[in-house]
Amino acid sequence: MRYSMIDTVIVSGGNIQKGFALDFLKRIKEERQDGGLCLIAADKGLEFFMETGLAPDVIVGDFDSLSEKGKIYLDTLQNVEILRLKPEKDDSDTQSATNLAIQKGSANILLLGSTGSRLDHIIANLELLSMGENKGVSVTMADSNNYVTLIKSGTVLERENQFGQFVSFFPVGGEVEGLTLEGFKYPLYDHHLTVADSGLTVSNEIISPMARVTFTKGSLLMIMSRD
């Protein structure tokens, strides 16, 4: 993973492990070294900033899920851009925050707190990856066990810097043609990957210092994970 590529981090109100999130943000800031990282709180995600002492640059939401303590904290913030949304809206708070980041020129967005117990929210957030891809923007989801992103053909993965032990691949929005996995425990060559056989590409492992993923057509989801 290249932390320096990330230019915007959106913190949502889902499952957020503070230690993991703080370490992830620290790594990004250390690699960027330019102070150019934008932090966006999406609704209840503001409570992560309240509890850690970090300051968001932008706050987006209708704040219907914000605790009373969070609402008091929101009213105390100064020099922070606040976008208040109506509760009756077509987009989720995280989607609104993602769209705002794209409008501001973000090219690589990381979503923290985007997983949790609500499967409908997870699926909605996963769809943001495809939305970003359609707009030429990389959107990635991460929690303490998973790193989820759409990858381009020719992606090179470094074993030394991988997230977790396992790497899985899934077709998104159709089939993936000509899938080749090199440097993996279970290699593939010019494989036509469909939803029906996507179990073939679950729980692979990188065994070479560098692994390479190529394909000729389609959209490919990569999940790096650890138990």
Protein backbone atom coordinates (compact mmCIF):
# COMPACT_ATOMS: atom_id res chain seq x y z
CA MET A 1 0.00 0.00 0.00
CA ARG A 2 1.18 3.49 -0.76
CA TYR A 3 -0.19 5.69 1.98
CA SER A 4 1.21 8.78 0.27
CA MET A 5 -1.34 8.41 -2.54
CA ILE A 6 -4.28 9.07 -0.20
CA ASP A 7 -5.36 12.71 -0.23
CA THR A 8 -8.71 12.50 1.61
CA VAL A 9 -9.86 10.40 4.56
CA ILE A 10 -13.58 10.17 5.29
CA VAL A 11 -14.51 8.88 8.73
CA SER A 12 -18.04 7.44 8.93
CA GLY A 13 -20.05 6.26 11.91
CA GLY A 14 -19.66 2.51 11.47
CA ASN A 15 -17.17 0.13 13.03
CA ILE A 16 -14.14 2.28 13.79
CA GLN A 17 -11.28 0.87 15.83
CA LYS A 18 -9.54 3.94 17.23
CA GLY A 19 -6.08 2.40 17.54
CA PHE A 20 -6.12 1.09 13.99
CA ALA A 21 -7.56 4.32 12.58
CA LEU A 22 -5.07 6.54 14.40
CA ASP A 23 -2.15 4.38 13.25
CA PHE A 24 -3.44 4.44 9.66
CA LEU A 25 -3.74 8.23 9.73
CA LYS A 26 -0.25 8.53 11.23
CA ARG A 27 1.23 6.43 8.41
CA ILE A 28 -0.52 8.52 5.76
CA LYS A 29 0.73 11.79 7.24
CA GLU A 30 4.28 10.45 7.62
CA GLU A 31 4.44 9.35 3.99
CA ARG A 32 2.79 12.45 2.55
CA GLN A 33 4.94 14.97 4.46
CA ASP A 34 3.18 17.84 2.71
CA GLY A 35 0.27 18.50 5.05
CA GLY A 36 -2.09 18.05 2.12
CA LEU A 37 -4.39 15.48 3.72
CA CYS A 38 -8.07 16.42 4.00
CA LEU A 39 -10.06 14.89 6.87
CA ILE A 40 -13.84 14.67 6.49
CA ALA A 41 -16.27 13.58 9.21
CA ALA A 42 -19.45 11.98 7.89
CA ASP A 43 -22.24 12.43 10.44
CA LYS A 44 -21.58 10.15 13.46
CA GLY A 45 -17.98 9.83 12.30
CA LEU A 46 -17.53 13.22 13.97
CA GLU A 47 -17.49 11.41 17.31
CA PHE A 48 -14.20 9.76 16.36
CA PHE A 49 -12.64 13.23 16.14
CA MET A 50 -14.32 14.31 19.36
CA GLU A 51 -12.91 11.29 21.21
CA THR A 52 -9.39 11.43 19.76
CA GLY A 53 -8.79 15.18 19.75
CA LEU A 54 -8.16 15.31 16.00
CA ALA A 55 -9.71 18.17 14.05
CA PRO A 56 -11.67 17.49 10.84
CA ASP A 57 -11.40 19.90 7.94
CA VAL A 58 -14.98 19.26 6.78
CA ILE A 59 -18.11 17.86 8.45
CA VAL A 60 -20.98 16.44 6.38
CA GLY A 61 -24.30 15.03 7.53
CA ASP A 62 -27.86 15.47 8.70
CA PHE A 63 -26.58 14.56 12.19
CA ASP A 64 -29.61 12.43 13.01
CA SER A 65 -27.36 9.70 14.42
CA LEU A 66 -25.07 12.05 16.33
CA SER A 67 -25.24 11.75 20.12
CA GLU A 68 -26.23 14.74 22.24
CA LYS A 69 -22.61 15.03 23.33
CA GLY A 70 -21.60 14.99 19.67
CA LYS A 71 -24.08 17.73 18.81
CA ILE A 72 -22.69 19.92 21.60
CA TYR A 73 -19.18 19.28 20.28
CA LEU A 74 -20.30 20.18 16.76
CA ASP A 75 -21.57 23.55 17.96
CA THR A 76 -18.20 24.36 19.54
CA LEU A 77 -16.15 23.85 16.38
CA GLN A 78 -14.72 26.86 14.61
CA ASN A 79 -12.91 27.29 11.29
CA VAL A 80 -14.40 24.01 10.06
CA GLU A 81 -16.48 23.70 6.91
CA ILE A 82 -19.88 22.22 7.83
CA LEU A 83 -22.31 20.90 5.22
CA ARG A 84 -25.69 20.28 6.83
CA LEU A 85 -27.89 17.87 4.90
CA LYS A 86 -31.64 17.39 5.08
CA PRO A 87 -32.71 14.07 6.67
CA GLU A 88 -34.89 13.41 3.62
CA LYS A 89 -32.22 12.85 0.99
CA ASP A 90 -31.29 10.36 -1.72
CA ASP A 91 -27.64 9.89 -0.71
CA SER A 92 -26.14 8.48 2.46
CA ASP A 93 -23.96 10.79 4.55
CA THR A 94 -20.88 8.85 3.43
CA GLN A 95 -21.87 9.16 -0.22
CA SER A 96 -22.45 12.90 0.20
CA ALA A 97 -19.02 13.20 1.82
CA THR A 98 -17.44 11.21 -1.02
CA ASN A 99 -19.10 13.35 -3.66
CA LEU A 100 -17.91 16.48 -1.87
CA ALA A 101 -14.35 15.15 -1.77
CA ILE A 102 -14.49 14.44 -5.51
CA GLN A 103 -15.84 17.93 -6.17
CA LYS A 104 -12.90 19.33 -4.23
CA GLY A 105 -10.50 17.50 -6.54
CA SER A 106 -9.64 14.44 -4.48
CA ALA A 107 -8.12 11.57 -6.48
CA ASN A 108 -7.58 8.94 -3.76
CA ILE A 109 -10.16 8.62 -0.98
CA LEU A 110 -9.97 6.34 2.05
CA LEU A 111 -13.13 5.41 3.96
CA LEU A 112 -12.74 4.57 7.66
CA GLY A 113 -15.71 3.52 9.79
CA SER A 114 -17.48 2.31 6.65
CA THR A 115 -18.04 -1.26 7.88
CA GLY A 116 -20.05 -2.54 10.81
CA SER A 117 -23.13 -4.49 11.78
CA ARG A 118 -25.42 -2.95 9.13
CA LEU A 119 -24.96 -5.02 5.96
CA ASP A 120 -27.04 -2.54 3.93
CA HIS A 121 -24.63 0.24 4.87
CA ILE A 122 -21.64 -1.91 3.93
CA ILE A 123 -23.10 -2.69 0.50
CA ALA A 124 -23.94 0.99 -0.06
CA ASN A 125 -20.37 1.94 0.83
CA LEU A 126 -18.93 -0.79 -1.43
CA GLU A 127 -20.87 0.76 -4.30
CA LEU A 128 -18.96 3.99 -3.70
CA LEU A 129 -15.86 2.23 -5.02
CA SER A 130 -17.53 1.78 -8.43
CA MET A 131 -18.94 5.30 -8.31
CA GLY A 132 -15.45 6.63 -7.77
CA GLU A 133 -14.00 4.47 -10.54
CA ASN A 134 -16.60 5.85 -12.97
CA LYS A 135 -15.41 9.35 -12.08
CA GLY A 136 -11.73 8.50 -12.33
CA VAL A 137 -11.23 8.50 -8.56
CA SER A 138 -9.88 5.70 -6.35
CA VAL A 139 -12.07 4.96 -3.30
CA THR A 140 -10.82 2.47 -0.71
CA MET A 141 -12.43 1.03 2.42
CA ALA A 142 -10.41 -0.16 5.39
CA ASP A 143 -10.91 -1.50 8.90
CA SER A 144 -8.62 -3.42 11.22
CA ASN A 145 -9.24 -6.68 9.30
CA ASN A 146 -9.85 -5.63 5.70
CA TYR A 147 -8.51 -3.38 2.97
CA VAL A 148 -10.95 -3.17 0.04
CA THR A 149 -10.40 -1.44 -3.29
CA LEU A 150 -10.88 -1.74 -7.05
CA ILE A 151 -7.59 -2.28 -8.83
CA LYS A 152 -6.36 -1.61 -12.34
CA SER A 153 -4.75 -4.14 -14.65
CA GLY A 154 -1.01 -4.19 -14.07
CA THR A 155 -1.25 -3.61 -10.33
CA VAL A 156 1.88 -4.74 -8.50
CA LEU A 157 1.60 -5.85 -4.87
CA GLU A 158 4.59 -5.92 -2.53
CA ARG A 159 4.55 -8.80 -0.06
CA GLU A 160 6.51 -6.74 2.45
CA ASN A 161 3.87 -3.98 2.46
CA GLN A 162 0.68 -5.97 2.03
CA PHE A 163 -2.27 -5.60 4.39
CA GLY A 164 -2.77 -8.91 6.17
CA GLN A 165 -1.99 -12.38 4.86
CA PHE A 166 -4.83 -13.11 2.45
CA VAL A 167 -5.74 -11.55 -0.90
CA SER A 168 -9.06 -12.20 -2.65
CA PHE A 169 -10.46 -10.99 -5.96
CA PHE A 170 -14.05 -10.58 -7.16
CA PRO A 171 -15.61 -9.41 -10.44
CA VAL A 172 -17.73 -6.28 -10.13
CA GLY A 173 -20.53 -5.30 -12.50
CA GLY A 174 -19.91 -8.20 -14.86
CA GLU A 175 -17.15 -10.63 -15.77
CA VAL A 176 -13.39 -10.12 -15.71
CA GLU A 177 -11.57 -11.45 -18.75
CA GLY A 178 -7.96 -12.56 -19.09
CA LEU A 179 -7.23 -12.53 -15.36
CA THR A 180 -3.62 -13.45 -14.62
CA LEU A 181 -2.18 -13.69 -11.11
CA GLU A 182 1.60 -13.93 -10.89
CA GLY A 183 3.63 -14.34 -7.71
CA PHE A 184 0.74 -15.90 -5.80
CA LYS A 185 0.44 -19.25 -4.04
CA TYR A 186 -2.41 -20.07 -6.43
CA PRO A 187 -1.54 -18.48 -9.79
CA LEU A 188 -3.95 -17.97 -12.66
CA TYR A 189 -3.29 -17.45 -16.35
CA ASP A 190 -5.70 -15.79 -18.75
CA HIS A 191 -8.72 -16.84 -16.68
CA HIS A 192 -12.27 -15.72 -17.43
CA LEU A 193 -13.61 -14.87 -13.94
CA THR A 194 -17.37 -14.91 -13.38
CA VAL A 195 -19.53 -14.54 -10.29
CA ALA A 196 -20.23 -18.29 -10.44
CA ASP A 197 -16.57 -19.23 -9.96
CA SER A 198 -15.36 -16.30 -7.86
CA GLY A 199 -14.65 -18.76 -5.03
CA LEU A 200 -11.57 -19.68 -7.05
CA THR A 201 -9.97 -16.36 -6.21
CA VAL A 202 -10.70 -16.23 -2.48
CA SER A 203 -7.97 -16.43 0.21
CA ASN A 204 -4.93 -16.40 -2.06
CA GLU A 205 -1.50 -15.51 -0.71
CA ILE A 206 1.48 -13.59 -2.08
CA ILE A 207 4.58 -15.82 -2.11
CA SER A 208 6.99 -13.72 -4.22
CA PRO A 209 8.48 -10.38 -3.16
CA MET A 210 6.32 -8.80 -5.87
CA ALA A 211 3.00 -10.09 -7.20
CA ARG A 212 1.29 -8.82 -10.34
CA VAL A 213 -2.39 -8.73 -11.33
CA THR A 214 -3.40 -8.22 -14.94
CA PHE A 215 -6.66 -8.58 -16.86
CA THR A 216 -7.94 -7.52 -20.27
CA LYS A 217 -11.50 -6.48 -19.48
CA GLY A 218 -13.81 -5.83 -16.53
CA SER A 219 -13.73 -4.33 -13.05
CA LEU A 220 -11.85 -6.22 -10.32
CA LEU A 221 -12.35 -5.88 -6.57
CA MET A 222 -9.42 -6.74 -4.32
CA ILE A 223 -9.79 -7.51 -0.61
CA MET A 224 -6.68 -7.86 1.52
CA SER A 225 -7.62 -9.37 4.86
CA ARG A 226 -6.39 -10.81 8.12
CA ASP A 227 -8.09 -12.75 10.90
